[in-house]
N, C-alpha and C. Protein backbone atom coordinates (compact mmCIF):
# COMPACT_ATOMS: atom_id res chain seq x y z
N MET A 1 30.19 119.66 130.34
CA MET A 1 31.48 119.68 129.64
C MET A 1 31.52 120.89 128.70
N LYS A 2 32.64 121.58 128.70
CA LYS A 2 32.78 122.75 127.83
C LYS A 2 33.03 122.30 126.39
N ASP A 3 32.39 122.99 125.45
CA ASP A 3 32.59 122.69 124.04
C ASP A 3 33.44 123.79 123.42
N LYS A 4 34.72 123.84 123.83
CA LYS A 4 35.61 124.91 123.37
C LYS A 4 36.84 124.36 122.67
N GLN A 5 36.87 123.09 122.35
CA GLN A 5 38.10 122.48 121.91
C GLN A 5 38.78 123.18 120.74
N PHE A 6 38.10 123.42 119.64
CA PHE A 6 38.75 124.08 118.50
C PHE A 6 37.85 125.16 117.91
N ASN A 7 37.18 125.92 118.78
CA ASN A 7 36.31 126.97 118.26
C ASN A 7 36.95 128.35 118.32
N GLY A 8 38.27 128.41 118.57
CA GLY A 8 38.96 129.69 118.59
C GLY A 8 38.92 130.38 119.94
N SER A 9 38.34 129.75 120.96
CA SER A 9 38.26 130.36 122.28
C SER A 9 39.63 130.37 122.93
N THR A 10 39.97 131.50 123.54
CA THR A 10 41.26 131.59 124.22
C THR A 10 41.06 131.73 125.73
N GLU A 11 39.86 131.34 126.24
CA GLU A 11 39.58 131.44 127.66
C GLU A 11 40.34 130.39 128.45
N ASP A 12 40.52 129.21 127.91
CA ASP A 12 41.22 128.14 128.60
C ASP A 12 42.73 128.32 128.46
N ILE A 13 43.44 128.21 129.59
CA ILE A 13 44.90 128.38 129.58
C ILE A 13 45.54 127.12 130.15
N THR A 14 46.48 126.56 129.40
CA THR A 14 47.26 125.43 129.86
C THR A 14 48.60 125.96 130.33
N ILE A 15 49.01 125.57 131.55
CA ILE A 15 50.27 126.05 132.11
C ILE A 15 51.23 124.88 132.26
N ILE A 16 52.41 125.02 131.65
CA ILE A 16 53.49 124.07 131.82
C ILE A 16 54.43 124.71 132.85
N SER A 17 54.34 124.27 134.09
CA SER A 17 55.04 124.93 135.20
C SER A 17 56.54 124.71 135.16
N ASN A 18 57.25 125.60 135.86
CA ASN A 18 58.70 125.50 136.01
C ASN A 18 59.03 124.14 136.63
N GLY A 19 60.00 123.44 136.06
CA GLY A 19 60.38 122.12 136.56
C GLY A 19 59.72 120.98 135.80
N VAL A 20 58.68 121.28 135.01
CA VAL A 20 58.00 120.26 134.22
C VAL A 20 58.70 120.11 132.88
N LYS A 21 58.95 118.85 132.47
CA LYS A 21 59.57 118.58 131.17
C LYS A 21 58.61 117.72 130.36
N LEU A 22 58.30 118.19 129.15
CA LEU A 22 57.39 117.48 128.26
C LEU A 22 58.10 117.14 126.96
N GLU A 23 57.81 115.94 126.43
CA GLU A 23 58.34 115.55 125.13
C GLU A 23 57.16 115.18 124.24
N GLY A 24 57.09 115.80 123.05
CA GLY A 24 56.02 115.51 122.11
C GLY A 24 55.31 116.78 121.67
N LYS A 25 54.39 116.62 120.74
CA LYS A 25 53.65 117.75 120.18
C LYS A 25 52.47 118.10 121.08
N ILE A 26 52.31 119.41 121.34
CA ILE A 26 51.19 119.89 122.14
C ILE A 26 50.24 120.63 121.21
N THR A 27 48.96 120.25 121.23
CA THR A 27 47.93 120.90 120.43
C THR A 27 46.81 121.35 121.36
N SER A 28 46.36 122.60 121.20
CA SER A 28 45.34 123.13 122.09
C SER A 28 44.44 124.10 121.33
N GLY A 29 43.21 124.23 121.80
CA GLY A 29 42.30 125.23 121.26
C GLY A 29 42.38 126.53 122.04
N GLY A 30 42.98 126.47 123.24
CA GLY A 30 43.10 127.65 124.09
C GLY A 30 44.52 128.18 124.09
N SER A 31 44.86 128.91 125.14
CA SER A 31 46.19 129.50 125.25
C SER A 31 47.11 128.62 126.09
N ILE A 32 48.42 128.79 125.90
CA ILE A 32 49.41 127.99 126.61
C ILE A 32 50.48 128.91 127.18
N ARG A 33 50.85 128.66 128.45
CA ARG A 33 51.98 129.36 129.07
C ARG A 33 53.02 128.31 129.41
N VAL A 34 54.26 128.56 128.97
CA VAL A 34 55.35 127.61 129.19
C VAL A 34 56.38 128.23 130.13
N ASP A 35 56.49 127.66 131.33
CA ASP A 35 57.55 128.05 132.26
C ASP A 35 58.51 126.89 132.46
N GLY A 36 58.18 125.73 131.92
CA GLY A 36 59.03 124.55 132.01
C GLY A 36 59.75 124.32 130.69
N THR A 37 59.97 123.04 130.36
CA THR A 37 60.71 122.65 129.15
C THR A 37 59.84 121.79 128.26
N ILE A 38 59.81 122.12 126.97
CA ILE A 38 59.07 121.33 125.99
C ILE A 38 60.03 120.93 124.87
N GLN A 39 60.10 119.63 124.60
CA GLN A 39 60.85 119.09 123.47
C GLN A 39 59.81 118.66 122.45
N GLY A 40 59.43 119.55 121.55
CA GLY A 40 58.41 119.23 120.55
C GLY A 40 57.67 120.49 120.14
N ASP A 41 56.78 120.33 119.19
CA ASP A 41 56.04 121.47 118.64
C ASP A 41 54.87 121.88 119.53
N VAL A 42 54.54 123.18 119.48
CA VAL A 42 53.41 123.73 120.21
C VAL A 42 52.49 124.38 119.18
N VAL A 43 51.25 123.87 119.07
CA VAL A 43 50.29 124.39 118.10
C VAL A 43 49.00 124.72 118.83
N THR A 44 48.54 125.96 118.69
CA THR A 44 47.30 126.36 119.34
C THR A 44 46.59 127.43 118.54
N GLN A 45 45.28 127.48 118.70
CA GLN A 45 44.50 128.55 118.07
C GLN A 45 44.52 129.78 118.95
N GLY A 46 44.93 129.63 120.21
CA GLY A 46 45.01 130.75 121.14
C GLY A 46 46.37 131.40 121.09
N ASN A 47 46.86 131.79 122.26
CA ASN A 47 48.14 132.47 122.38
C ASN A 47 49.14 131.59 123.11
N VAL A 48 50.43 131.87 122.88
CA VAL A 48 51.50 131.16 123.59
C VAL A 48 52.40 132.17 124.27
N THR A 49 52.67 131.93 125.55
CA THR A 49 53.62 132.74 126.29
C THR A 49 54.71 131.81 126.80
N VAL A 50 55.96 132.11 126.44
CA VAL A 50 57.11 131.38 126.97
C VAL A 50 57.71 132.28 128.04
N GLY A 51 57.59 131.87 129.30
CA GLY A 51 58.07 132.67 130.41
C GLY A 51 59.59 132.77 130.44
N GLU A 52 60.08 133.57 131.35
CA GLU A 52 61.52 133.83 131.46
C GLU A 52 62.33 132.55 131.66
N HIS A 53 61.76 131.56 132.34
CA HIS A 53 62.45 130.29 132.59
C HIS A 53 61.99 129.20 131.63
N GLY A 54 61.10 129.55 130.69
CA GLY A 54 60.59 128.59 129.73
C GLY A 54 61.62 128.25 128.66
N ASP A 55 61.52 127.01 128.16
CA ASP A 55 62.48 126.51 127.16
C ASP A 55 61.71 125.61 126.19
N VAL A 56 61.62 126.04 124.92
CA VAL A 56 60.92 125.25 123.90
C VAL A 56 61.90 124.90 122.79
N ASN A 57 62.01 123.60 122.51
CA ASN A 57 62.85 123.12 121.42
C ASN A 57 61.91 122.50 120.39
N GLY A 58 61.36 123.33 119.51
CA GLY A 58 60.41 122.90 118.50
C GLY A 58 59.70 124.11 117.92
N LYS A 59 58.82 123.86 116.96
CA LYS A 59 58.08 124.94 116.30
C LYS A 59 56.94 125.42 117.19
N ILE A 60 56.65 126.72 117.09
CA ILE A 60 55.49 127.29 117.79
C ILE A 60 54.58 127.93 116.75
N ASN A 61 53.29 127.59 116.79
CA ASN A 61 52.31 128.12 115.86
C ASN A 61 51.10 128.57 116.68
N ALA A 62 50.83 129.89 116.71
CA ALA A 62 49.74 130.42 117.52
C ALA A 62 49.30 131.77 116.99
N GLY A 63 48.27 132.34 117.62
CA GLY A 63 47.78 133.66 117.22
C GLY A 63 48.73 134.76 117.63
N VAL A 64 48.98 134.89 118.93
CA VAL A 64 49.92 135.86 119.48
C VAL A 64 50.93 135.09 120.31
N ILE A 65 52.21 135.39 120.11
CA ILE A 65 53.28 134.68 120.84
C ILE A 65 54.14 135.71 121.55
N ALA A 66 54.38 135.47 122.84
CA ALA A 66 55.29 136.30 123.62
C ALA A 66 56.39 135.38 124.15
N ILE A 67 57.64 135.75 123.88
CA ILE A 67 58.77 134.93 124.31
C ILE A 67 59.62 135.71 125.30
N GLY A 68 59.78 135.15 126.48
CA GLY A 68 60.64 135.75 127.50
C GLY A 68 61.78 134.84 127.86
N GLY A 69 61.73 133.60 127.39
CA GLY A 69 62.76 132.60 127.68
C GLY A 69 63.48 132.18 126.41
N LYS A 70 63.73 130.86 126.29
CA LYS A 70 64.52 130.33 125.18
C LYS A 70 63.65 129.50 124.25
N VAL A 71 63.79 129.75 122.93
CA VAL A 71 63.09 128.97 121.92
C VAL A 71 64.09 128.63 120.81
N VAL A 72 64.15 127.34 120.45
CA VAL A 72 64.94 126.89 119.32
C VAL A 72 63.97 126.23 118.35
N GLY A 73 63.68 126.92 117.24
CA GLY A 73 62.72 126.42 116.26
C GLY A 73 61.97 127.58 115.63
N SER A 74 61.29 127.32 114.54
CA SER A 74 60.58 128.38 113.84
C SER A 74 59.33 128.79 114.63
N VAL A 75 58.97 130.07 114.48
CA VAL A 75 57.84 130.65 115.20
C VAL A 75 56.89 131.27 114.18
N ASN A 76 55.62 130.85 114.22
CA ASN A 76 54.62 131.36 113.30
C ASN A 76 53.49 131.98 114.13
N ALA A 77 53.49 133.31 114.21
CA ALA A 77 52.45 134.03 114.94
C ALA A 77 51.49 134.64 113.93
N LYS A 78 50.24 134.23 113.96
CA LYS A 78 49.27 134.73 112.98
C LYS A 78 49.07 136.24 113.11
N GLU A 79 49.16 136.78 114.31
CA GLU A 79 48.94 138.20 114.52
C GLU A 79 50.21 138.95 114.96
N LYS A 80 50.79 138.56 116.11
CA LYS A 80 51.90 139.33 116.66
C LYS A 80 52.87 138.44 117.42
N LEU A 81 54.17 138.79 117.32
CA LEU A 81 55.22 138.14 118.08
C LEU A 81 55.94 139.19 118.90
N VAL A 82 56.09 138.94 120.20
CA VAL A 82 56.81 139.84 121.10
C VAL A 82 58.03 139.11 121.64
N LEU A 83 59.22 139.66 121.39
CA LEU A 83 60.45 139.13 121.98
C LEU A 83 60.79 140.04 123.15
N GLU A 84 60.60 139.52 124.36
CA GLU A 84 60.85 140.31 125.56
C GLU A 84 62.35 140.45 125.81
N ALA A 85 62.72 141.28 126.77
CA ALA A 85 64.12 141.65 127.00
C ALA A 85 65.04 140.45 127.21
N LYS A 86 64.58 139.38 127.85
CA LYS A 86 65.44 138.23 128.12
C LYS A 86 65.22 137.08 127.15
N ALA A 87 64.52 137.34 126.06
CA ALA A 87 64.23 136.31 125.06
C ALA A 87 65.48 135.90 124.31
N ASN A 88 65.54 134.60 123.96
CA ASN A 88 66.62 134.06 123.15
C ASN A 88 65.97 133.13 122.13
N LEU A 89 65.86 133.59 120.88
CA LEU A 89 65.19 132.83 119.82
C LEU A 89 66.19 132.47 118.73
N LYS A 90 66.28 131.16 118.45
CA LYS A 90 67.10 130.67 117.34
C LYS A 90 66.15 129.95 116.39
N GLY A 91 65.75 130.65 115.32
CA GLY A 91 64.81 130.08 114.36
C GLY A 91 64.18 131.18 113.54
N ASP A 92 63.46 130.78 112.53
CA ASP A 92 62.83 131.74 111.62
C ASP A 92 61.50 132.23 112.19
N ILE A 93 61.15 133.48 111.83
CA ILE A 93 59.94 134.12 112.31
C ILE A 93 59.00 134.38 111.14
N PHE A 94 57.71 134.07 111.34
CA PHE A 94 56.65 134.40 110.39
C PHE A 94 55.56 135.09 111.20
N THR A 95 55.31 136.38 110.94
CA THR A 95 54.30 137.12 111.70
C THR A 95 53.88 138.38 110.96
N LYS A 96 52.77 138.98 111.38
CA LYS A 96 52.34 140.26 110.82
C LYS A 96 53.02 141.41 111.57
N ILE A 97 53.08 141.30 112.90
CA ILE A 97 53.65 142.36 113.73
C ILE A 97 54.76 141.76 114.59
N LEU A 98 55.92 142.42 114.60
CA LEU A 98 57.06 141.97 115.39
C LEU A 98 57.48 143.07 116.35
N VAL A 99 57.54 142.73 117.65
CA VAL A 99 57.98 143.66 118.67
C VAL A 99 59.22 143.06 119.33
N VAL A 100 60.33 143.80 119.29
CA VAL A 100 61.57 143.32 119.89
C VAL A 100 62.01 144.31 120.95
N GLU A 101 62.04 143.86 122.20
CA GLU A 101 62.49 144.71 123.29
C GLU A 101 64.01 144.72 123.36
N ALA A 102 64.56 145.79 123.92
CA ALA A 102 66.02 145.91 124.07
C ALA A 102 66.53 144.76 124.91
N GLY A 103 67.59 144.10 124.44
CA GLY A 103 68.18 142.98 125.15
C GLY A 103 67.80 141.62 124.60
N ALA A 104 66.74 141.55 123.79
CA ALA A 104 66.31 140.28 123.21
C ALA A 104 67.34 139.81 122.18
N LYS A 105 67.51 138.48 122.09
CA LYS A 105 68.44 137.89 121.12
C LYS A 105 67.66 137.07 120.11
N PHE A 106 67.98 137.28 118.82
CA PHE A 106 67.29 136.59 117.74
C PHE A 106 68.29 136.20 116.67
N ASP A 107 68.29 134.92 116.29
CA ASP A 107 69.18 134.41 115.26
C ASP A 107 68.33 133.62 114.26
N GLY A 108 68.06 134.23 113.10
CA GLY A 108 67.24 133.58 112.09
C GLY A 108 66.75 134.58 111.07
N LYS A 109 65.79 134.17 110.27
CA LYS A 109 65.20 135.04 109.26
C LYS A 109 63.81 135.45 109.71
N SER A 110 63.38 136.63 109.28
CA SER A 110 62.04 137.08 109.62
C SER A 110 61.25 137.37 108.36
N ASN A 111 59.96 137.06 108.41
CA ASN A 111 59.04 137.31 107.29
C ASN A 111 57.79 137.92 107.90
N MET A 112 57.50 139.16 107.50
CA MET A 112 56.36 139.88 108.08
C MET A 112 55.34 140.23 107.01
N GLY A 113 54.08 140.15 107.36
CA GLY A 113 53.01 140.58 106.47
C GLY A 113 52.53 139.49 105.54
N ASP A 114 51.56 139.85 104.72
CA ASP A 114 51.00 138.92 103.75
C ASP A 114 51.94 138.79 102.56
N VAL A 115 51.95 137.63 101.96
CA VAL A 115 52.79 137.39 100.79
C VAL A 115 52.37 138.31 99.65
N LYS A 116 51.07 138.58 99.52
CA LYS A 116 50.57 139.45 98.45
C LYS A 116 51.12 140.86 98.57
N GLY A 117 51.23 141.35 99.81
CA GLY A 117 51.64 142.73 100.04
C GLY A 117 53.14 142.94 100.00
N MET A 118 53.90 141.87 99.95
CA MET A 118 55.36 142.00 99.96
C MET A 118 55.88 142.04 98.54
N SER A 119 56.90 142.87 98.30
CA SER A 119 57.47 142.94 96.97
C SER A 119 58.71 142.06 96.90
N SER A 120 58.86 141.35 95.80
CA SER A 120 60.05 140.54 95.58
C SER A 120 60.99 141.32 94.67
N PRO A 121 62.23 140.87 94.52
CA PRO A 121 63.17 141.62 93.67
C PRO A 121 62.70 141.79 92.23
N ASN A 122 61.85 140.89 91.74
CA ASN A 122 61.39 140.97 90.35
C ASN A 122 60.06 141.71 90.21
N THR A 123 59.48 142.15 91.33
CA THR A 123 58.20 142.85 91.29
C THR A 123 58.45 144.35 91.20
N PRO A 124 57.87 145.03 90.20
CA PRO A 124 58.07 146.48 90.11
C PRO A 124 57.39 147.19 91.27
N ILE A 125 58.00 148.26 91.74
CA ILE A 125 57.42 149.05 92.82
C ILE A 125 56.57 150.14 92.19
N VAL A 126 55.29 150.17 92.57
CA VAL A 126 54.35 151.13 92.03
C VAL A 126 54.26 152.30 92.99
N LYS A 127 54.50 153.50 92.48
CA LYS A 127 54.48 154.69 93.32
C LYS A 127 53.04 155.18 93.45
N ASP A 128 52.65 155.51 94.68
CA ASP A 128 51.33 156.05 94.96
C ASP A 128 51.34 157.53 94.60
N GLU A 129 50.54 157.93 93.62
CA GLU A 129 50.53 159.31 93.15
C GLU A 129 49.96 160.27 94.17
N ASN A 130 49.24 159.77 95.16
CA ASN A 130 48.64 160.63 96.18
C ASN A 130 49.61 160.98 97.30
N LYS A 131 50.74 160.28 97.36
CA LYS A 131 51.72 160.54 98.41
C LYS A 131 52.89 161.33 97.84
N PRO A 132 53.37 162.34 98.59
CA PRO A 132 54.52 163.12 98.11
C PRO A 132 55.80 162.28 98.15
N GLY A 133 56.74 162.58 97.30
CA GLY A 133 58.05 161.92 97.35
C GLY A 133 58.27 161.12 96.22
């Protein structure tokens, strides 16, 4: 038996095939590809790919997320989020790196980077003396 359940391994891939409909929260230690329909949250330590025909109605929390289909719910990518050309996302985004291809649709708020590194309206902006301008 493999001992990979929650050790951060992304070698195992779970595939939700086209035509499959799932209701409930999905939790995995590996990666997940969604080509079917999920009504519920998707949480994994690996990566999530929502294929062109994939449909997720719930939150997604993963390392790297690529969306090519439809997602309704907030998306939290620890490293990177890619919205492919046919992506349709309705929900808030939390990620370090955001890639949006031409044609992708996004309706929500985005938050990128660490909270420490982001400036708020009340935080003074400190100019780096080593940089011109």
